[in-house]
């Protein structure tokens, strides 16, 4: 049987799909942090802990 899917492994040992999944999650996290900090969420939480 002919194997049509040959994973393209990057130098870090991950496939392109795995790499893009992890990078995409990182960028989404940065966006979430930016939105929460603009709303003052982190300042409010720090004030509550003091």
N, C-alpha and C. Protein backbone atom coordinates (compact mmCIF):
# COMPACT_ATOMS: atom_id res chain seq x y z
N UNK A 1 0.84 -1.19 0.00
CA UNK A 1 0.00 0.00 0.00
C UNK A 1 0.88 1.25 0.00
N UNK A 2 0.51 2.21 -0.79
CA UNK A 2 1.27 3.45 -0.92
C UNK A 2 0.88 4.41 0.19
N UNK A 3 1.86 4.86 0.96
CA UNK A 3 1.62 5.80 2.05
C UNK A 3 1.68 7.22 1.48
N UNK A 4 0.52 7.88 1.40
CA UNK A 4 0.48 9.22 0.81
C UNK A 4 0.86 10.31 1.80
N UNK A 5 0.71 10.07 3.08
CA UNK A 5 1.05 11.08 4.07
C UNK A 5 2.42 10.79 4.65
N UNK A 6 3.35 11.63 4.34
CA UNK A 6 4.69 11.54 4.91
C UNK A 6 4.89 12.81 5.73
N UNK A 7 4.93 12.69 7.05
CA UNK A 7 5.04 13.90 7.87
C UNK A 7 6.34 14.64 7.60
N UNK A 8 6.22 15.95 7.48
CA UNK A 8 7.39 16.80 7.28
C UNK A 8 7.87 17.22 8.66
N UNK A 9 8.92 16.58 9.14
CA UNK A 9 9.40 16.82 10.49
C UNK A 9 10.35 18.01 10.48
N UNK A 10 10.09 18.96 11.36
CA UNK A 10 10.93 20.14 11.50
C UNK A 10 12.17 19.79 12.32
N UNK A 11 13.17 20.68 12.35
CA UNK A 11 14.37 20.42 13.16
C UNK A 11 14.08 20.22 14.64
N UNK A 12 12.95 20.77 15.13
CA UNK A 12 12.62 20.60 16.55
C UNK A 12 12.00 19.24 16.84
N UNK A 13 11.74 18.44 15.80
CA UNK A 13 11.21 17.10 16.01
C UNK A 13 9.70 17.03 15.91
N UNK A 14 9.04 18.11 15.57
CA UNK A 14 7.59 18.13 15.45
C UNK A 14 7.19 18.26 13.98
N UNK A 15 5.98 17.83 13.68
CA UNK A 15 5.47 18.02 12.33
C UNK A 15 5.01 19.46 12.18
N UNK A 16 4.76 19.88 10.95
CA UNK A 16 4.28 21.24 10.73
C UNK A 16 2.95 21.48 11.41
N UNK A 17 2.08 20.49 11.40
CA UNK A 17 0.78 20.65 12.06
C UNK A 17 0.93 20.83 13.56
N UNK A 18 1.79 20.05 14.20
CA UNK A 18 2.01 20.20 15.63
C UNK A 18 2.61 21.57 15.96
N UNK A 19 3.56 21.99 15.15
CA UNK A 19 4.19 23.29 15.36
C UNK A 19 3.18 24.42 15.25
N UNK A 20 2.36 24.40 14.20
CA UNK A 20 1.38 25.47 14.01
C UNK A 20 0.31 25.45 15.11
N UNK A 21 -0.05 24.28 15.60
CA UNK A 21 -1.03 24.18 16.69
C UNK A 21 -0.49 24.86 17.95
N UNK A 22 0.77 24.58 18.28
CA UNK A 22 1.36 25.17 19.48
C UNK A 22 1.59 26.66 19.33
N UNK A 23 2.05 27.10 18.17
CA UNK A 23 2.27 28.52 17.95
C UNK A 23 0.95 29.27 17.96
N UNK A 24 -0.08 28.71 17.34
CA UNK A 24 -1.39 29.36 17.33
C UNK A 24 -1.95 29.52 18.71
N UNK A 25 -1.77 28.52 19.56
CA UNK A 25 -2.23 28.63 20.94
C UNK A 25 -1.49 29.71 21.69
N UNK A 26 -0.21 29.87 21.40
CA UNK A 26 0.58 30.92 22.04
C UNK A 26 0.09 32.31 21.66
N UNK A 27 -0.21 32.51 20.38
CA UNK A 27 -0.70 33.82 19.93
C UNK A 27 -2.08 34.10 20.50
N UNK A 28 -2.92 33.10 20.61
CA UNK A 28 -4.25 33.30 21.20
C UNK A 28 -4.11 33.69 22.67
N UNK A 29 -3.17 33.07 23.36
CA UNK A 29 -2.93 33.41 24.77
C UNK A 29 -2.45 34.84 24.93
N UNK A 30 -1.59 35.30 24.02
CA UNK A 30 -1.12 36.68 24.07
C UNK A 30 -2.27 37.66 23.87
N UNK A 31 -3.16 37.33 22.95
CA UNK A 31 -4.32 38.19 22.73
C UNK A 31 -5.23 38.25 23.94
N UNK A 32 -5.43 37.11 24.58
CA UNK A 32 -6.27 37.06 25.78
C UNK A 32 -5.66 37.87 26.91
N UNK A 33 -4.35 37.75 27.10
CA UNK A 33 -3.67 38.52 28.14
C UNK A 33 -3.81 40.01 27.88
N UNK A 34 -3.68 40.42 26.62
CA UNK A 34 -3.81 41.84 26.28
C UNK A 34 -5.22 42.34 26.59
N UNK A 35 -6.23 41.60 26.21
CA UNK A 35 -7.60 42.03 26.47
C UNK A 35 -7.89 42.11 27.97
N UNK A 36 -7.42 41.11 28.72
CA UNK A 36 -7.68 41.12 30.16
C UNK A 36 -6.93 42.25 30.85
N UNK A 37 -5.71 42.54 30.41
CA UNK A 37 -4.96 43.63 31.04
C UNK A 37 -5.57 44.98 30.72
N UNK A 38 -6.13 45.15 29.52
CA UNK A 38 -6.80 46.42 29.18
C UNK A 38 -8.05 46.63 30.02
N UNK A 39 -8.71 45.55 30.40
CA UNK A 39 -9.90 45.66 31.26
C UNK A 39 -9.55 45.84 32.73
N UNK A 40 -8.27 45.72 33.08
CA UNK A 40 -7.85 45.88 34.46
C UNK A 40 -8.03 44.62 35.29
N UNK A 41 -8.17 43.48 34.65
CA UNK A 41 -8.41 42.23 35.38
C UNK A 41 -7.25 41.89 36.30
N UNK A 42 -6.03 41.99 35.81
CA UNK A 42 -4.87 41.60 36.62
C UNK A 42 -4.64 42.57 37.77
N UNK A 43 -4.88 43.85 37.58
CA UNK A 43 -4.74 44.83 38.66
C UNK A 43 -5.78 44.56 39.74
N UNK A 44 -7.00 44.23 39.36
CA UNK A 44 -8.05 43.95 40.32
C UNK A 44 -7.73 42.70 41.13
N UNK A 45 -7.20 41.68 40.48
CA UNK A 45 -6.85 40.45 41.18
C UNK A 45 -5.69 40.69 42.16
N UNK A 46 -4.71 41.48 41.77
CA UNK A 46 -3.58 41.77 42.64
C UNK A 46 -4.03 42.60 43.84
N UNK A 47 -4.96 43.52 43.62
CA UNK A 47 -5.48 44.34 44.71
C UNK A 47 -6.25 43.50 45.72
N UNK A 48 -6.99 42.50 45.24
CA UNK A 48 -7.77 41.62 46.10
C UNK A 48 -6.87 40.73 46.96
N UNK A 49 -5.69 40.37 46.45
CA UNK A 49 -4.80 39.47 47.18
C UNK A 49 -4.04 40.21 48.29
N UNK A 50 -3.95 41.51 48.21
CA UNK A 50 -3.17 42.27 49.20
C UNK A 50 -3.93 42.47 50.45
